[in-house]
């Protein structure tokens, strides 16, 4: 790995569920102390503290104690001033603001200094060097603009010694076209994006790795087939992809029809608040089942009861996805995602709970428009 641009010393990964639980409890307490201390905390959480009937500084002694916090409200992330989220302990650092959503109304935004770099350095250590070679260049085939993904993938490439090539892509425009029933215009925009990617891949560069959403990866593969080549023949060895369209059925189709046996692909589940949850290593015996594990202890995911968001469901049972963000830059004690899935047991590589079958939360599913994802 190329560590000369690394921004964080990553702790050793826990080797058992007990170690993982202890690390999460310790990290939770440290983050609560940071965000609710008068010396280091953010204006938002210092103001909220006065409204609680408990004291976060003394009453949070483990991860489960975060359930004392009232439900985090989605609307708190819409609009400004965005600096209300800046912890005093980070004042003076160069800052980014990243947006998510925003197809209608004010988008949710997140203030960031280095979290997007740290998240992707952690993710880098989960990638097999055989398929993501050190020094290889990357294609970033995903949303650009005010989203963190472009800069995060760019850092991932640089961290591994490579260069990231990017395309212009506005996912909000795609969703607007689809909502207006302008399917042909949306297809034309997708073609415009794929043409950009094809141009980069055929311009004589040595691109061996890429990020793509499932829809765009499929469209790119079809474009290459039409041109008499393929993802493998164009030089791609490793892909990480993410999006709601990454289903077991698509996973099977992708590996068998689009990529072939020599191109590696790993599913991911992430967003601007969490970072990147990794997919459990592929196991043929699991019939393309996709299980995600959050990047603990910096973020954690629970699958909770539809009627009681403080009650995790049993293993194998279905519930709504609840996200906790626990970094020095952002503290979110339980954000109800627009997704549902099944709770999964820890695995060897990630010895903490996971979630499988991630799909739009059934209450919202009929009103959700899926664009490039």
Protein backbone atom coordinates (compact mmCIF):
# COMPACT_ATOMS: atom_id res chain seq x y z
CA UNK A 1 0.00 0.00 0.00
CA UNK A 2 1.05 3.63 -0.55
CA UNK A 3 0.88 5.06 2.96
CA UNK A 4 2.69 8.34 2.34
CA UNK A 5 -0.65 10.15 1.89
CA UNK A 6 -2.48 8.27 4.65
CA UNK A 7 -4.32 10.56 7.07
CA UNK A 8 -4.93 8.09 9.89
CA UNK A 9 -3.29 5.29 11.82
CA UNK A 10 -5.85 2.53 11.50
CA UNK A 11 -6.26 0.33 14.59
CA UNK A 12 -5.87 -3.45 14.27
CA UNK A 13 -9.09 -5.18 13.30
CA UNK A 14 -10.84 -7.13 16.07
CA UNK A 15 -10.62 -10.89 15.71
CA UNK A 16 -13.77 -11.91 17.60
CA UNK A 17 -17.28 -10.59 18.34
CA UNK A 18 -16.17 -9.96 21.93
CA UNK A 19 -13.24 -7.83 20.80
CA UNK A 20 -15.47 -5.99 18.32
CA UNK A 21 -18.06 -5.25 21.02
CA UNK A 22 -15.41 -3.95 23.43
CA UNK A 23 -13.90 -1.74 20.71
CA UNK A 24 -17.32 -0.33 19.78
CA UNK A 25 -18.20 0.40 23.42
CA UNK A 26 -14.88 2.16 24.03
CA UNK A 27 -15.10 4.16 20.80
CA UNK A 28 -18.72 5.15 21.52
CA UNK A 29 -17.81 6.62 24.91
CA UNK A 30 -14.86 8.51 23.41
CA UNK A 31 -17.00 10.02 20.66
CA UNK A 32 -19.78 11.05 23.04
CA UNK A 33 -17.22 12.71 25.31
CA UNK A 34 -15.79 14.54 22.31
CA UNK A 35 -19.11 15.81 20.89
CA UNK A 36 -20.66 16.82 24.23
CA UNK A 37 -17.65 18.38 25.91
CA UNK A 38 -17.69 22.19 26.07
CA UNK A 39 -14.07 22.20 24.89
CA UNK A 40 -14.43 20.03 21.77
CA UNK A 41 -18.14 19.63 21.01
CA UNK A 42 -20.20 21.06 18.16
CA UNK A 43 -22.73 23.88 18.65
CA UNK A 44 -25.54 21.57 17.48
CA UNK A 45 -24.95 18.86 20.07
CA UNK A 46 -24.02 21.24 22.89
CA UNK A 47 -27.37 22.96 22.38
CA UNK A 48 -29.23 19.65 22.18
CA UNK A 49 -27.63 18.44 25.40
CA UNK A 50 -29.61 20.97 27.41
CA UNK A 51 -32.91 19.46 26.19
CA UNK A 52 -32.20 15.88 27.36
CA UNK A 53 -33.35 14.27 30.59
CA UNK A 54 -29.99 12.49 30.82
CA UNK A 55 -26.35 13.60 30.66
CA UNK A 56 -24.49 12.08 27.71
CA UNK A 57 -21.16 12.72 29.43
CA UNK A 58 -21.99 10.48 32.38
CA UNK A 59 -24.86 8.27 31.22
CA UNK A 60 -23.36 6.82 28.04
CA UNK A 61 -21.02 4.00 29.08
CA UNK A 62 -21.47 1.63 26.12
CA UNK A 63 -22.94 1.48 22.63
CA UNK A 64 -26.40 0.36 23.81
CA UNK A 65 -26.68 3.55 25.88
CA UNK A 66 -27.07 5.51 22.64
CA UNK A 67 -30.68 4.33 22.66
CA UNK A 68 -31.32 7.02 25.28
CA UNK A 69 -31.13 9.63 22.52
CA UNK A 70 -34.39 10.58 20.81
CA UNK A 71 -34.73 9.65 17.16
CA UNK A 72 -32.43 11.65 14.90
CA UNK A 73 -34.46 13.86 12.57
CA UNK A 74 -33.66 13.81 8.89
CA UNK A 75 -34.53 17.49 8.55
CA UNK A 76 -31.69 18.54 10.87
CA UNK A 77 -29.28 17.89 8.01
CA UNK A 78 -31.14 20.13 5.54
CA UNK A 79 -30.01 23.74 5.27
CA UNK A 80 -27.61 25.79 7.32
CA UNK A 81 -25.65 27.15 8.86
CA UNK A 82 -23.66 23.99 8.21
CA UNK A 83 -20.93 25.10 10.64
CA UNK A 84 -23.23 24.27 13.55
CA UNK A 85 -22.01 20.69 13.02
CA UNK A 86 -18.32 21.65 13.33
CA UNK A 87 -16.81 20.42 16.62
CA UNK A 88 -14.76 23.07 18.41
CA UNK A 89 -11.91 20.58 18.52
CA UNK A 90 -11.66 20.66 14.70
CA UNK A 91 -11.86 24.42 14.15
CA UNK A 92 -9.23 25.68 11.74
CA UNK A 93 -9.12 22.57 9.57
CA UNK A 94 -9.88 22.88 5.83
CA UNK A 95 -13.46 21.72 5.33
CA UNK A 96 -15.66 20.15 2.67
CA UNK A 97 -19.43 20.06 2.48
CA UNK A 98 -21.01 17.05 0.79
CA UNK A 99 -24.64 16.69 -0.21
CA UNK A 100 -26.98 13.76 -0.53
CA UNK A 101 -30.50 13.73 -1.92
CA UNK A 102 -31.87 17.07 -3.06
CA UNK A 103 -33.94 15.97 -6.05
CA UNK A 104 -36.67 18.11 -4.53
CA UNK A 105 -36.19 20.70 -1.83
CA UNK A 106 -33.06 21.39 0.18
CA UNK A 107 -30.52 18.54 0.11
CA UNK A 108 -29.07 16.99 3.23
CA UNK A 109 -25.50 18.09 3.78
CA UNK A 110 -22.56 16.90 5.83
CA UNK A 111 -19.51 18.89 6.90
CA UNK A 112 -16.28 16.92 6.47
CA UNK A 113 -12.57 17.43 7.05
CA UNK A 114 -10.92 14.02 6.63
CA UNK A 115 -13.57 11.36 7.24
CA UNK A 116 -13.98 10.53 3.54
CA UNK A 117 -10.25 9.81 3.34
CA UNK A 118 -10.17 7.67 6.50
CA UNK A 119 -13.27 5.70 5.45
CA UNK A 120 -11.71 4.76 2.13
CA UNK A 121 -8.32 3.95 3.64
CA UNK A 122 -10.14 1.45 5.84
CA UNK A 123 -11.96 0.12 2.79
CA UNK A 124 -8.68 -0.16 0.88
CA UNK A 125 -7.45 -2.78 3.32
CA UNK A 126 -10.39 -5.04 2.44
CA UNK A 127 -9.52 -5.14 -1.28
CA UNK A 128 -7.47 -8.05 -2.65
CA UNK A 129 -4.25 -6.78 -4.26
CA UNK A 130 -4.51 -9.47 -6.93
CA UNK A 131 -7.46 -7.66 -8.49
CA UNK A 132 -6.76 -4.12 -7.28
CA UNK A 133 -3.00 -3.93 -7.97
CA UNK A 134 -0.83 -1.41 -6.21
CA UNK A 135 -0.19 1.52 -8.53
CA UNK A 136 -3.13 0.72 -10.83
CA UNK A 137 -5.25 3.57 -12.16
CA UNK A 138 -9.01 3.81 -11.62
CA UNK A 139 -12.17 4.87 -13.41
CA UNK A 140 -14.77 6.57 -11.21
CA UNK A 141 -18.10 5.90 -12.97
CA UNK A 142 -20.51 7.50 -10.55
CA UNK A 143 -22.01 10.80 -9.36
CA UNK A 144 -19.87 13.92 -9.31
CA UNK A 145 -20.60 17.47 -8.16
CA UNK A 146 -21.27 18.03 -4.44
CA UNK A 147 -21.11 14.34 -3.54
CA UNK A 148 -18.28 12.84 -1.57
CA UNK A 149 -17.95 9.70 -3.68
CA UNK A 150 -15.85 11.30 -6.39
CA UNK A 151 -13.25 12.66 -3.92
CA UNK A 152 -13.36 9.49 -1.83
CA UNK A 153 -12.62 7.21 -4.80
CA UNK A 154 -9.92 9.62 -5.90
CA UNK A 155 -8.25 9.31 -2.50
CA UNK A 156 -8.66 5.52 -2.60
CA UNK A 157 -6.80 5.44 -5.92
CA UNK A 158 -4.07 7.74 -4.63
CA UNK A 159 -3.75 5.79 -1.37
CA UNK A 160 -3.12 2.67 -3.46
CA UNK A 161 -0.63 4.53 -5.65
CA UNK A 162 -2.88 5.20 -8.63
CA UNK A 163 -4.73 7.95 -10.45
CA UNK A 164 -8.52 8.31 -10.64
CA UNK A 165 -10.18 9.20 -13.95
CA UNK A 166 -13.68 10.66 -13.53
CA UNK A 167 -16.80 11.46 -15.57
CA UNK A 168 -19.39 14.22 -15.24
CA UNK A 169 -22.63 12.83 -13.83
CA UNK A 170 -25.56 14.63 -12.19
CA UNK A 171 -27.86 11.96 -10.68
CA UNK A 172 -30.46 14.57 -9.73
CA UNK A 173 -31.06 15.31 -13.39
CA UNK A 174 -31.64 11.62 -14.09
CA UNK A 175 -34.19 11.34 -11.29
CA UNK A 176 -35.98 14.51 -12.48
CA UNK A 177 -36.24 13.10 -15.99
CA UNK A 178 -37.62 9.78 -14.71
CA UNK A 179 -40.13 11.46 -12.42
CA UNK A 180 -41.34 13.50 -15.38
CA UNK A 181 -41.74 10.34 -17.44
CA UNK A 182 -38.98 11.39 -19.84
CA UNK A 183 -37.49 7.92 -20.13
CA UNK A 184 -35.86 8.47 -23.52
CA UNK A 185 -34.14 11.63 -22.27
CA UNK A 186 -32.87 9.71 -19.24
CA UNK A 187 -31.52 6.99 -21.53
CA UNK A 188 -29.82 9.65 -23.66
CA UNK A 189 -28.15 11.09 -20.56
CA UNK A 190 -26.96 7.64 -19.53
CA UNK A 191 -25.51 7.18 -23.02
CA UNK A 192 -23.70 10.50 -22.61
CA UNK A 193 -22.16 9.27 -19.34
CA UNK A 194 -21.17 5.89 -20.80
CA UNK A 195 -19.62 7.60 -23.82
CA UNK A 196 -17.39 9.54 -21.42
CA UNK A 197 -16.30 6.32 -19.71
CA UNK A 198 -15.69 4.55 -23.02
CA UNK A 199 -13.54 7.45 -24.21
CA UNK A 200 -11.36 7.27 -21.09
CA UNK A 201 -11.01 3.48 -21.29
CA UNK A 202 -9.98 3.55 -24.94
CA UNK A 203 -7.60 6.52 -24.71
CA UNK A 204 -4.45 4.52 -24.02
CA UNK A 205 -4.40 4.78 -20.23
CA UNK A 206 -3.67 1.78 -17.98
CA UNK A 207 -6.91 1.64 -16.00
CA UNK A 208 -7.33 -1.64 -14.12
CA UNK A 209 -9.81 -0.78 -11.33
CA UNK A 210 -13.10 1.04 -11.17
CA UNK A 211 -16.11 2.11 -9.17
CA UNK A 212 -19.52 1.94 -10.84
CA UNK A 213 -23.18 1.75 -9.94
CA UNK A 214 -24.88 -1.46 -11.14
CA UNK A 215 -26.90 0.30 -13.85
CA UNK A 216 -23.88 2.13 -15.23
CA UNK A 217 -21.64 -0.94 -15.08
CA UNK A 218 -24.21 -2.91 -17.06
CA UNK A 219 -24.57 -0.12 -19.61
CA UNK A 220 -20.79 0.12 -19.97
CA UNK A 221 -20.44 -3.64 -20.44
CA UNK A 222 -23.12 -3.57 -23.15
CA UNK A 223 -21.39 -0.66 -24.89
CA UNK A 224 -18.11 -2.59 -24.88
CA UNK A 225 -19.83 -5.71 -26.24
CA UNK A 226 -21.28 -3.59 -29.05
CA UNK A 227 -17.77 -2.36 -29.83
CA UNK A 228 -16.43 -5.92 -29.98
CA UNK A 229 -14.66 -5.94 -26.63
CA UNK A 230 -15.47 -6.47 -22.92
CA UNK A 231 -14.76 -5.27 -19.39
CA UNK A 232 -11.96 -7.83 -19.08
CA UNK A 233 -10.47 -7.18 -22.52
CA UNK A 234 -10.39 -3.44 -21.92
CA UNK A 235 -8.10 -4.13 -18.95
CA UNK A 236 -10.33 -3.99 -15.85
CA UNK A 237 -9.38 -6.47 -13.11
CA UNK A 238 -11.28 -5.26 -10.04
CA UNK A 239 -14.56 -3.38 -9.50
CA UNK A 240 -16.37 -2.19 -6.44
CA UNK A 241 -19.98 -1.24 -6.95
CA UNK A 242 -22.82 0.05 -4.85
CA UNK A 243 -26.48 0.94 -5.14
CA UNK A 244 -29.97 -0.35 -4.46
CA UNK A 245 -29.95 -2.21 -7.78
CA UNK A 246 -27.17 -4.51 -6.53
CA UNK A 247 -29.43 -7.51 -5.88
CA UNK A 248 -28.48 -11.20 -5.75
CA UNK A 249 -30.11 -11.66 -9.16
CA UNK A 250 -28.06 -8.84 -10.68
CA UNK A 251 -24.93 -10.09 -8.88
CA UNK A 252 -25.29 -13.48 -10.59
CA UNK A 253 -26.02 -11.89 -13.97
CA UNK A 254 -23.07 -9.55 -13.58
CA UNK A 255 -20.53 -12.23 -12.70
CA UNK A 256 -21.75 -14.75 -15.26
CA UNK A 257 -22.73 -12.53 -18.20
CA UNK A 258 -21.06 -9.12 -17.90
CA UNK A 259 -17.67 -9.80 -16.33
CA UNK A 260 -16.67 -13.43 -16.66
CA UNK A 261 -14.57 -15.46 -14.21
CA UNK A 262 -11.44 -13.29 -14.23
CA UNK A 263 -12.87 -9.92 -13.16
CA UNK A 264 -13.45 -9.40 -9.43
CA UNK A 265 -16.44 -7.42 -8.16
CA UNK A 266 -17.38 -6.64 -4.58
CA UNK A 267 -20.72 -5.15 -3.49
CA UNK A 268 -20.74 -2.18 -1.12
CA UNK A 269 -23.43 -0.32 0.76
CA UNK A 270 -22.72 3.24 1.72
CA UNK A 271 -23.77 6.84 1.88
CA UNK A 272 -22.54 10.28 2.81
CA UNK A 273 -23.26 9.71 6.50
CA UNK A 274 -21.88 6.23 7.06
CA UNK A 275 -18.93 5.73 4.81
CA UNK A 276 -18.70 2.32 3.22
CA UNK A 277 -20.09 -1.01 4.43
CA UNK A 278 -18.21 -3.94 2.87
CA UNK A 279 -19.74 -7.01 1.34
CA UNK A 280 -19.03 -10.40 2.86
CA UNK A 281 -16.53 -12.27 0.67
CA UNK A 282 -18.28 -14.18 -2.12
CA UNK A 283 -19.21 -17.75 -1.24
CA UNK A 284 -20.70 -19.91 -4.03
CA UNK A 285 -22.59 -21.90 -1.39
CA UNK A 286 -24.61 -18.80 -0.44
CA UNK A 287 -26.14 -18.48 -3.92
CA UNK A 288 -25.12 -14.84 -4.46
CA UNK A 289 -26.53 -13.65 -1.14
CA UNK A 290 -25.17 -10.19 -0.31
CA UNK A 291 -24.38 -9.34 3.31
CA UNK A 292 -22.95 -5.96 4.33
CA UNK A 293 -20.88 -5.08 7.39
CA UNK A 294 -20.55 -1.47 8.56
CA UNK A 295 -17.07 0.02 9.12
CA UNK A 296 -17.04 -0.43 12.89
CA UNK A 297 -16.35 1.27 15.17
CA UNK A 298 -16.57 4.49 13.11
CA UNK A 299 -20.08 3.53 12.04
CA UNK A 300 -22.46 0.81 13.13
CA UNK A 301 -25.68 -0.59 11.72
CA UNK A 302 -28.58 -2.28 13.48
CA UNK A 303 -31.62 -3.98 11.96
CA UNK A 304 -34.51 -2.91 14.18
CA UNK A 305 -38.17 -3.71 14.68
CA UNK A 306 -40.55 -1.79 12.40
CA UNK A 307 -42.62 -0.73 15.41
CA UNK A 308 -39.81 -0.12 17.93
CA UNK A 309 -36.65 1.41 16.55
CA UNK A 310 -34.77 0.73 19.79
CA UNK A 311 -35.33 -3.02 19.53
CA UNK A 312 -33.00 -5.04 17.26
CA UNK A 313 -34.67 -7.95 15.50
CA UNK A 314 -33.37 -11.52 15.82
CA UNK A 315 -30.83 -13.01 13.44
CA UNK A 316 -32.44 -13.78 10.10
CA UNK A 317 -35.42 -11.53 10.85
CA UNK A 318 -36.46 -8.49 8.83
CA UNK A 319 -36.36 -4.92 10.09
CA UNK A 320 -35.45 -1.35 9.21
CA UNK A 321 -31.81 -0.30 8.92
CA UNK A 322 -30.63 2.04 11.69
CA UNK A 323 -27.30 3.80 11.25
CA UNK A 324 -24.94 5.21 13.87
CA UNK A 325 -22.11 7.53 12.79
CA UNK A 326 -19.36 7.80 15.39
CA UNK A 327 -16.44 9.93 14.22
CA UNK A 328 -14.85 13.10 15.55
CA UNK A 329 -16.38 14.97 12.64
CA UNK A 330 -19.93 13.67 12.92
CA UNK A 331 -22.02 12.08 15.64
CA UNK A 332 -25.39 10.57 14.71
CA UNK A 333 -26.92 8.36 17.41
CA UNK A 334 -29.35 6.41 15.27
CA UNK A 335 -30.40 7.57 11.80
CA UNK A 336 -33.33 5.67 10.31
CA UNK A 337 -32.30 4.74 6.79
CA UNK A 338 -34.77 4.47 3.90
CA UNK A 339 -33.85 0.77 3.71
CA UNK A 340 -34.84 -2.54 5.26
CA UNK A 341 -33.16 -5.94 5.33
CA UNK A 342 -32.35 -9.01 7.41
CA UNK A 343 -30.04 -9.10 10.42
CA UNK A 344 -27.02 -11.34 9.87
CA UNK A 345 -24.53 -12.92 12.25
CA UNK A 346 -20.86 -11.91 12.41
CA UNK A 347 -18.44 -13.55 9.98
CA UNK A 348 -14.72 -14.29 10.14
CA UNK A 349 -13.65 -11.15 8.27
CA UNK A 350 -16.12 -8.85 10.02
CA UNK A 351 -16.85 -10.14 13.55
CA UNK A 352 -19.93 -8.00 14.17
CA UNK A 353 -23.55 -7.98 12.99
CA UNK A 354 -24.34 -7.46 9.32
CA UNK A 355 -27.38 -6.82 7.16
CA UNK A 356 -28.49 -8.69 4.03
CA UNK A 357 -31.21 -8.25 1.43
CA UNK A 358 -30.98 -4.46 1.61
CA UNK A 359 -33.88 -2.89 -0.30
CA UNK A 360 -36.03 0.25 -0.05
CA UNK A 361 -38.08 0.42 3.17
CA UNK A 362 -41.49 -0.95 2.19
CA UNK A 363 -43.35 2.12 3.47
CA UNK A 364 -41.40 4.34 1.06
CA UNK A 365 -40.71 1.85 -1.73
CA UNK A 366 -43.61 2.89 -3.97
CA UNK A 367 -42.55 6.55 -3.89
CA UNK A 368 -38.81 5.96 -4.39
CA UNK A 369 -37.40 6.79 -7.83
CA UNK A 370 -34.17 4.94 -8.57
CA UNK A 371 -31.91 6.86 -10.95
CA UNK A 372 -28.34 5.86 -11.79
CA UNK A 373 -28.07 3.61 -8.75
